[in-house]
Amino acid sequence: AEAGDYLAAAKAIMTTDTFPKVAT
């Protein structure tokens, strides 16, 4: 685990989502 890839994390929890959802 590294301090970093939130986009990859958001992709891993998708089901019928069509895009990963992140905000900062």
PDB file of all heavy atoms in Angstrom:
ATOM      1  N   ALA A   1       0.832  -1.212   0.000  1.00  0.00           N
ATOM      2  CA  ALA A   1       0.000   0.000   0.000  1.00  0.00           C
ATOM      3  C   ALA A   1       0.862   1.256   0.000  1.00  0.00           C
ATOM      4  O   ALA A   1       1.874   1.337   0.701  1.00  0.00           O
ATOM      5  CB  ALA A   1      -0.928  -0.008   1.212  1.00  0.00           C
ATOM      6  N   GLU A   2       0.445   2.232  -0.804  1.00  0.00           N
ATOM      7  CA  GLU A   2       1.186   3.485  -0.923  1.00  0.00           C
ATOM      8  C   GLU A   2       0.257   4.678  -0.762  1.00  0.00           C
ATOM      9  O   GLU A   2      -0.953   4.571  -0.964  1.00  0.00           O
ATOM     10  CB  GLU A   2       1.876   3.565  -2.294  1.00  0.00           C
ATOM     11  CG  GLU A   2       2.916   2.479  -2.521  1.00  0.00           C
ATOM     12  CD  GLU A   2       3.562   2.584  -3.878  1.00  0.00           C
ATOM     13  OE1 GLU A   2       2.976   3.240  -4.773  1.00  0.00           O
ATOM     14  OE2 GLU A   2       4.651   2.020  -4.056  1.00  0.00           O
ATOM     15  N   ALA A   3       0.829   5.813  -0.420  1.00  0.00           N
ATOM     16  CA  ALA A   3       0.049   7.036  -0.236  1.00  0.00           C
ATOM     17  C   ALA A   3      -0.216   7.658  -1.584  1.00  0.00           C
ATOM     18  O   ALA A   3       0.533   8.501  -2.041  1.00  0.00           O
ATOM     19  CB  ALA A   3       0.804   8.015   0.654  1.00  0.00           C
ATOM     20  N   GLY A   4      -1.322   7.112  -2.225  1.00  0.00           N
ATOM     21  CA  GLY A   4      -1.451   7.698  -3.519  1.00  0.00           C
ATOM     22  C   GLY A   4      -2.610   7.539  -4.417  1.00  0.00           C
ATOM     23  O   GLY A   4      -3.320   8.495  -4.566  1.00  0.00           O
ATOM     24  N   ASP A   5      -2.791   6.426  -5.063  1.00  0.00           N
ATOM     25  CA  ASP A   5      -3.652   6.371  -6.240  1.00  0.00           C
ATOM     26  C   ASP A   5      -5.123   6.247  -5.881  1.00  0.00           C
ATOM     27  O   ASP A   5      -5.695   5.163  -5.838  1.00  0.00           O
ATOM     28  CB  ASP A   5      -3.235   5.210  -7.142  1.00  0.00           C
ATOM     29  CG  ASP A   5      -3.748   5.399  -8.567  1.00  0.00           C
ATOM     30  OD1 ASP A   5      -4.683   6.199  -8.749  1.00  0.00           O
ATOM     31  OD2 ASP A   5      -3.215   4.750  -9.482  1.00  0.00           O
ATOM     32  N   TYR A   6      -5.771   7.391  -5.653  1.00  0.00           N
ATOM     33  CA  TYR A   6      -7.189   7.403  -5.303  1.00  0.00           C
ATOM     34  C   TYR A   6      -8.066   7.021  -6.491  1.00  0.00           C
ATOM     35  O   TYR A   6      -9.150   6.465  -6.316  1.00  0.00           O
ATOM     36  CB  TYR A   6      -7.589   8.782  -4.753  1.00  0.00           C
ATOM     37  CG  TYR A   6      -7.075   9.005  -3.358  1.00  0.00           C
ATOM     38  CD1 TYR A   6      -5.790   9.503  -3.142  1.00  0.00           C
ATOM     39  CD2 TYR A   6      -7.858   8.702  -2.249  1.00  0.00           C
ATOM     40  CE1 TYR A   6      -5.305   9.690  -1.860  1.00  0.00           C
ATOM     41  CE2 TYR A   6      -7.387   8.891  -0.964  1.00  0.00           C
ATOM     42  CZ  TYR A   6      -6.107   9.387  -0.771  1.00  0.00           C
ATOM     43  OH  TYR A   6      -5.627   9.561   0.507  1.00  0.00           O
ATOM     44  N   LEU A   7      -7.603   7.312  -7.692  1.00  0.00           N
ATOM     45  CA  LEU A   7      -8.388   6.972  -8.873  1.00  0.00           C
ATOM     46  C   LEU A   7      -8.468   5.446  -9.026  1.00  0.00           C
ATOM     47  O   LEU A   7      -9.542   4.894  -9.302  1.00  0.00           O
ATOM     48  CB  LEU A   7      -7.772   7.600 -10.123  1.00  0.00           C
ATOM     49  CG  LEU A   7      -8.682   7.679 -11.359  1.00  0.00           C
ATOM     50  CD1 LEU A   7      -9.895   8.539 -11.072  1.00  0.00           C
ATOM     51  CD2 LEU A   7      -7.911   8.230 -12.542  1.00  0.00           C
ATOM     52  N   ALA A   8      -7.374   4.759  -8.819  1.00  0.00           N
ATOM     53  CA  ALA A   8      -7.377   3.291  -8.875  1.00  0.00           C
ATOM     54  C   ALA A   8      -8.256   2.722  -7.775  1.00  0.00           C
ATOM     55  O   ALA A   8      -8.971   1.731  -7.981  1.00  0.00           O
ATOM     56  CB  ALA A   8      -5.958   2.757  -8.744  1.00  0.00           C
ATOM     57  N   ALA A   9      -8.221   3.363  -6.609  1.00  0.00           N
ATOM     58  CA  ALA A   9      -9.055   2.920  -5.497  1.00  0.00           C
ATOM     59  C   ALA A   9     -10.535   3.070  -5.844  1.00  0.00           C
ATOM     60  O   ALA A   9     -11.350   2.176  -5.574  1.00  0.00           O
ATOM     61  CB  ALA A   9      -8.723   3.726  -4.246  1.00  0.00           C
ATOM     62  N   ALA A  10     -10.884   4.193  -6.459  1.00  0.00           N
ATOM     63  CA  ALA A  10     -12.282   4.426  -6.838  1.00  0.00           C
ATOM     64  C   ALA A  10     -12.741   3.451  -7.912  1.00  0.00           C
ATOM     65  O   ALA A  10     -13.904   3.046  -7.941  1.00  0.00           O
ATOM     66  CB  ALA A  10     -12.450   5.869  -7.323  1.00  0.00           C
ATOM     67  N   LYS A  11     -11.846   3.045  -8.793  1.00  0.00           N
ATOM     68  CA  LYS A  11     -12.193   2.075  -9.833  1.00  0.00           C
ATOM     69  C   LYS A  11     -12.476   0.702  -9.240  1.00  0.00           C
ATOM     70  O   LYS A  11     -13.360  -0.023  -9.707  1.00  0.00           O
ATOM     71  CB  LYS A  11     -11.063   1.970 -10.861  1.00  0.00           C
ATOM     72  CG  LYS A  11     -10.928   3.169 -11.777  1.00  0.00           C
ATOM     73  CD  LYS A  11      -9.769   2.996 -12.757  1.00  0.00           C
ATOM     74  CE  LYS A  11      -9.653   4.190 -13.690  1.00  0.00           C
ATOM     75  NZ  LYS A  11      -8.501   4.050 -14.635  1.00  0.00           N
ATOM     76  N   ALA A  12     -11.749   0.335  -8.196  1.00  0.00           N
ATOM     77  CA  ALA A  12     -11.896  -0.996  -7.608  1.00  0.00           C
ATOM     78  C   ALA A  12     -13.243  -1.197  -6.940  1.00  0.00           C
ATOM     79  O   ALA A  12     -13.692  -2.341  -6.782  1.00  0.00           O
ATOM     80  CB  ALA A  12     -10.770  -1.246  -6.600  1.00  0.00           C
ATOM     81  N   ILE A  13     -13.922  -0.118  -6.549  1.00  0.00           N
ATOM     82  CA  ILE A  13     -15.196  -0.261  -5.842  1.00  0.00           C
ATOM     83  C   ILE A  13     -16.406  -0.057  -6.757  1.00  0.00           C
ATOM     84  O   ILE A  13     -17.539  -0.047  -6.304  1.00  0.00           O
ATOM     85  CB  ILE A  13     -15.272   0.690  -4.630  1.00  0.00           C
ATOM     86  CG1 ILE A  13     -15.289   2.162  -5.070  1.00  0.00           C
ATOM     87  CG2 ILE A  13     -14.115   0.424  -3.676  1.00  0.00           C
ATOM     88  CD1 ILE A  13     -15.480   3.147  -3.917  1.00  0.00           C
ATOM     89  N   MET A  14     -16.174   0.083  -8.067  1.00  0.00           N
ATOM     90  CA  MET A  14     -17.267   0.308  -9.011  1.00  0.00           C
ATOM     91  C   MET A  14     -18.060  -0.973  -9.274  1.00  0.00           C
ATOM     92  O   MET A  14     -17.523  -2.071  -9.232  1.00  0.00           O
ATOM     93  CB  MET A  14     -16.713   0.850 -10.332  1.00  0.00           C
ATOM     94  CG  MET A  14     -16.176   2.267 -10.243  1.00  0.00           C
ATOM     95  SD  MET A  14     -15.132   2.751 -11.656  1.00  0.00           S
ATOM     96  CE  MET A  14     -16.268   2.553 -13.029  1.00  0.00           C
ATOM     97  N   THR A  15     -19.366  -0.797  -9.534  1.00  0.00           N
ATOM     98  CA  THR A  15     -20.197  -1.910 -10.026  1.00  0.00           C
ATOM     99  C   THR A  15     -20.738  -1.504 -11.396  1.00  0.00           C
ATOM    100  O   THR A  15     -20.058  -1.652 -12.396  1.00  0.00           O
ATOM    101  CB  THR A  15     -21.322  -2.265  -9.034  1.00  0.00           C
ATOM    102  OG1 THR A  15     -22.047  -1.086  -8.689  1.00  0.00           O
ATOM    103  CG2 THR A  15     -20.747  -2.905  -7.775  1.00  0.00           C
ATOM    104  N   THR A  16     -21.937  -0.941 -11.448  1.00  0.00           N
ATOM    105  CA  THR A  16     -22.465  -0.478 -12.737  1.00  0.00           C
ATOM    106  C   THR A  16     -22.032   0.952 -13.054  1.00  0.00           C
ATOM    107  O   THR A  16     -22.482   1.523 -14.047  1.00  0.00           O
ATOM    108  CB  THR A  16     -24.006  -0.572 -12.772  1.00  0.00           C
ATOM    109  OG1 THR A  16     -24.555   0.213 -11.711  1.00  0.00           O
ATOM    110  CG2 THR A  16     -24.470  -2.016 -12.641  1.00  0.00           C
ATOM    111  N   ASP A  17     -21.193   1.523 -12.230  1.00  0.00           N
ATOM    112  CA  ASP A  17     -20.647   2.858 -12.496  1.00  0.00           C
ATOM    113  C   ASP A  17     -19.925   2.862 -13.843  1.00  0.00           C
ATOM    114  O   ASP A  17     -19.313   1.863 -14.233  1.00  0.00           O
ATOM    115  CB  ASP A  17     -19.636   3.245 -11.419  1.00  0.00           C
ATOM    116  CG  ASP A  17     -20.188   3.161 -10.017  1.00  0.00           C
ATOM    117  OD1 ASP A  17     -20.559   2.053  -9.577  1.00  0.00           O
ATOM    118  OD2 ASP A  17     -20.240   4.202  -9.362  1.00  0.00           O
ATOM    119  N   THR A  18     -19.968   3.992 -14.515  1.00  0.00           N
ATOM    120  CA  THR A  18     -19.258   4.104 -15.789  1.00  0.00           C
ATOM    121  C   THR A  18     -17.965   4.897 -15.663  1.00  0.00           C
ATOM    122  O   THR A  18     -17.166   4.932 -16.603  1.00  0.00           O
ATOM    123  CB  THR A  18     -20.138   4.768 -16.867  1.00  0.00           C
ATOM    124  OG1 THR A  18     -20.314   6.162 -16.557  1.00  0.00           O
ATOM    125  CG2 THR A  18     -21.498   4.086 -16.967  1.00  0.00           C
ATOM    126  N   PHE A  19     -17.757   5.543 -14.517  1.00  0.00           N
ATOM    127  CA  PHE A  19     -16.502   6.260 -14.294  1.00  0.00           C
ATOM    128  C   PHE A  19     -16.220   6.335 -12.794  1.00  0.00           C
ATOM    129  O   PHE A  19     -17.144   6.343 -11.975  1.00  0.00           O
ATOM    130  CB  PHE A  19     -16.534   7.674 -14.909  1.00  0.00           C
ATOM    131  CG  PHE A  19     -17.583   8.590 -14.331  1.00  0.00           C
ATOM    132  CD1 PHE A  19     -17.310   9.388 -13.220  1.00  0.00           C
ATOM    133  CD2 PHE A  19     -18.841   8.685 -14.920  1.00  0.00           C
ATOM    134  CE1 PHE A  19     -18.268  10.241 -12.699  1.00  0.00           C
ATOM    135  CE2 PHE A  19     -19.811   9.541 -14.409  1.00  0.00           C
ATOM    136  CZ  PHE A  19     -19.520  10.319 -13.287  1.00  0.00           C
ATOM    137  N   PRO A  20     -14.933   6.374 -12.420  1.00  0.00           N
ATOM    138  CA  PRO A  20     -14.578   6.504 -11.002  1.00  0.00           C
ATOM    139  C   PRO A  20     -14.866   7.916 -10.525  1.00  0.00           C
ATOM    140  O   PRO A  20     -14.704   8.884 -11.274  1.00  0.00           O
ATOM    141  CB  PRO A  20     -13.082   6.196 -10.977  1.00  0.00           C
ATOM    142  CG  PRO A  20     -12.607   6.562 -12.351  1.00  0.00           C
ATOM    143  CD  PRO A  20     -13.752   6.246 -13.279  1.00  0.00           C
ATOM    144  N   LYS A  21     -15.271   8.037  -9.272  1.00  0.00           N
ATOM    145  CA  LYS A  21     -15.692   9.328  -8.728  1.00  0.00           C
ATOM    146  C   LYS A  21     -14.756   9.753  -7.605  1.00  0.00           C
ATOM    147  O   LYS A  21     -14.694   9.099  -6.564  1.00  0.00           O
ATOM    148  CB  LYS A  21     -17.133   9.217  -8.223  1.00  0.00           C
ATOM    149  CG  LYS A  21     -18.103   8.797  -9.326  1.00  0.00           C
ATOM    150  CD  LYS A  21     -19.420   8.310  -8.760  1.00  0.00           C
ATOM    151  CE  LYS A  21     -20.334   7.820  -9.872  1.00  0.00           C
ATOM    152  NZ  LYS A  21     -19.777   6.632 -10.588  1.00  0.00           N
ATOM    153  N   VAL A  22     -14.029  10.826  -7.821  1.00  0.00           N
ATOM    154  CA  VAL A  22     -13.088  11.342  -6.829  1.00  0.00           C
ATOM    155  C   VAL A  22     -13.234  12.857  -6.737  1.00  0.00           C
ATOM    156  O   VAL A  22     -13.678  13.520  -7.679  1.00  0.00           O
ATOM    157  CB  VAL A  22     -11.623  10.989  -7.172  1.00  0.00           C
ATOM    158  CG1 VAL A  22     -11.395   9.481  -7.086  1.00  0.00           C
ATOM    159  CG2 VAL A  22     -11.234  11.513  -8.549  1.00  0.00           C
ATOM    160  N   ALA A  23     -12.865  13.400  -5.584  1.00  0.00           N
ATOM    161  CA  ALA A  23     -12.897  14.852  -5.376  1.00  0.00           C
ATOM    162  C   ALA A  23     -11.888  15.200  -4.300  1.00  0.00           C
ATOM    163  O   ALA A  23     -11.552  14.371  -3.443  1.00  0.00           O
ATOM    164  CB  ALA A  23     -14.295  15.312  -4.967  1.00  0.00           C
ATOM    165  N   THR A  24     -11.396  16.430  -4.332  1.00  0.00           N
ATOM    166  CA  THR A  24     -10.398  16.856  -3.353  1.00  0.00           C
ATOM    167  C   THR A  24     -10.538  18.340  -3.059  1.00  0.00           C
ATOM    168  O   THR A  24     -11.074  19.106  -3.879  1.00  0.00           O
ATOM    169  CB  THR A  24      -8.969  16.553  -3.861  1.00  0.00           C
ATOM    170  OG1 THR A  24      -8.018  16.844  -2.826  1.00  0.00           O
ATOM    171  CG2 THR A  24      -8.634  17.363  -5.109  1.00  0.00           C
TER     172      THR A  24
END
